[in-house]
Amino acid sequence: MSEIIFEVRENEADGSSAATALGQGIHTEGRLWKNCAMTKDAVHSYFDETTESPKIIRLHYVRDEVLVECEMVRFPAGPVGVHGVPGSKGVTWSTLIFD
């Protein structure tokens, strides 16, 4: 085996991470900044002298992101005008941002 791939997921609640080898029974957990050393140790513990250990250990970081689609809202321009141009007439567009 020349390469092994780990899927790494971060637990946002406590900052820890879990790394699982794809196609192998190797799993390790701990702090994200220690992940490289922990994963190397897990691989070396899993493969013994009779089986060939991988030369490359690849970490694939998976991150879940939630995107919220914002609506555009139209406000009257008022005395300033469009985009701050004095004397212009029209509307100014703004984006609502959700916290």
Protein backbone atom coordinates (compact mmCIF):
# COMPACT_ATOMS: atom_id res chain seq x y z
CA MET A 1 0.00 0.00 0.00
CA SER A 2 1.52 3.31 -1.04
CA GLU A 3 -1.04 5.76 0.37
CA ILE A 4 -3.75 5.94 3.02
CA ILE A 5 -6.38 8.68 3.21
CA PHE A 6 -7.96 9.94 6.42
CA GLU A 7 -11.15 11.96 6.55
CA VAL A 8 -10.79 14.55 9.32
CA ARG A 9 -13.84 16.22 10.85
CA GLU A 10 -13.73 18.93 13.50
CA ASN A 11 -16.13 18.97 16.43
CA GLU A 12 -16.98 22.66 16.73
CA ALA A 13 -18.39 22.26 20.24
CA ASP A 14 -15.09 21.39 21.92
CA GLY A 15 -12.46 21.96 19.20
CA SER A 16 -11.48 18.30 18.95
CA SER A 17 -11.23 16.37 15.71
CA ALA A 18 -11.77 12.80 14.55
CA ALA A 19 -9.76 11.16 11.76
CA THR A 20 -11.01 7.98 10.08
CA ALA A 21 -9.06 6.03 7.45
CA LEU A 22 -11.03 5.33 4.28
CA GLY A 23 -11.12 1.59 3.61
CA GLN A 24 -9.21 0.69 6.79
CA GLY A 25 -10.21 0.20 10.42
CA ILE A 26 -8.15 3.09 11.78
CA HIS A 27 -9.73 5.87 13.82
CA THR A 28 -8.20 8.50 16.09
CA GLU A 29 -9.54 11.49 18.01
CA GLY A 30 -7.99 14.49 19.71
CA ARG A 31 -7.11 18.14 19.31
CA LEU A 32 -6.88 19.39 15.73
CA TRP A 33 -3.35 20.79 16.08
CA LYS A 34 -2.10 17.37 17.26
CA ASN A 35 -3.80 15.50 14.44
CA CYS A 36 -0.70 14.79 12.32
CA ALA A 37 1.21 13.12 15.14
CA MET A 38 -1.82 11.17 16.35
CA THR A 39 -2.62 9.92 12.85
CA LYS A 40 0.99 8.78 12.27
CA ASP A 41 0.95 6.91 15.58
CA ALA A 42 -2.36 5.24 14.71
CA VAL A 43 -1.06 4.10 11.30
CA HIS A 44 2.18 2.72 12.74
CA SER A 45 0.23 0.87 15.46
CA TYR A 46 -2.22 -0.61 12.93
CA PHE A 47 0.34 -2.03 10.49
CA ASP A 48 2.84 -4.53 11.82
CA GLU A 49 6.06 -5.99 10.39
CA THR A 50 4.18 -8.52 8.24
CA THR A 51 2.12 -5.93 6.32
CA GLU A 52 3.41 -3.06 4.27
CA SER A 53 2.60 0.30 5.84
CA PRO A 54 1.69 3.23 3.57
CA LYS A 55 4.43 5.64 2.56
CA ILE A 56 1.99 8.58 2.27
CA ILE A 57 -0.65 9.55 4.83
CA ARG A 58 -3.12 12.03 3.36
CA LEU A 59 -5.43 14.07 5.62
CA HIS A 60 -8.65 15.23 3.95
CA TYR A 61 -10.24 17.92 6.11
CA VAL A 62 -14.04 18.05 5.84
CA ARG A 63 -15.80 21.20 6.95
CA ASP A 64 -19.53 21.73 7.07
CA GLU A 65 -20.68 25.25 6.29
CA VAL A 66 -24.20 26.62 6.38
CA LEU A 67 -25.05 29.37 3.92
CA VAL A 68 -28.13 31.52 4.32
CA GLU A 69 -29.55 33.17 1.26
CA CYS A 70 -30.15 36.88 1.91
CA GLU A 71 -32.90 38.93 0.39
CA MET A 72 -32.29 42.28 -1.25
CA VAL A 73 -34.38 45.06 0.25
CA ARG A 74 -35.21 48.31 -1.55
CA PHE A 75 -35.13 51.53 0.46
CA PRO A 76 -35.99 55.05 -0.76
CA ALA A 77 -32.86 57.05 -1.56
CA GLY A 78 -33.88 60.18 0.31
CA PRO A 79 -32.05 63.47 -0.09
CA VAL A 80 -28.62 61.92 -0.64
CA GLY A 81 -29.54 60.02 -3.81
CA VAL A 82 -28.25 56.83 -5.29
CA HIS A 83 -25.02 55.52 -3.76
CA GLY A 84 -24.24 58.86 -2.14
CA VAL A 85 -24.32 60.94 -5.35
CA PRO A 86 -25.81 64.34 -4.41
CA GLY A 87 -28.87 65.35 -6.44
CA SER A 88 -29.46 61.95 -8.01
CA LYS A 89 -32.88 60.33 -7.82
CA GLY A 90 -33.64 56.69 -7.44
CA VAL A 91 -33.21 53.97 -4.89
CA THR A 92 -30.38 52.57 -2.84
CA TRP A 93 -30.01 48.80 -2.43
CA SER A 94 -28.96 47.18 0.79
CA THR A 95 -28.37 43.61 1.90
CA LEU A 96 -29.81 42.17 5.08
CA ILE A 97 -27.28 40.22 7.09
CA PHE A 98 -28.48 37.59 9.56
CA ASP A 99 -26.49 36.87 12.72
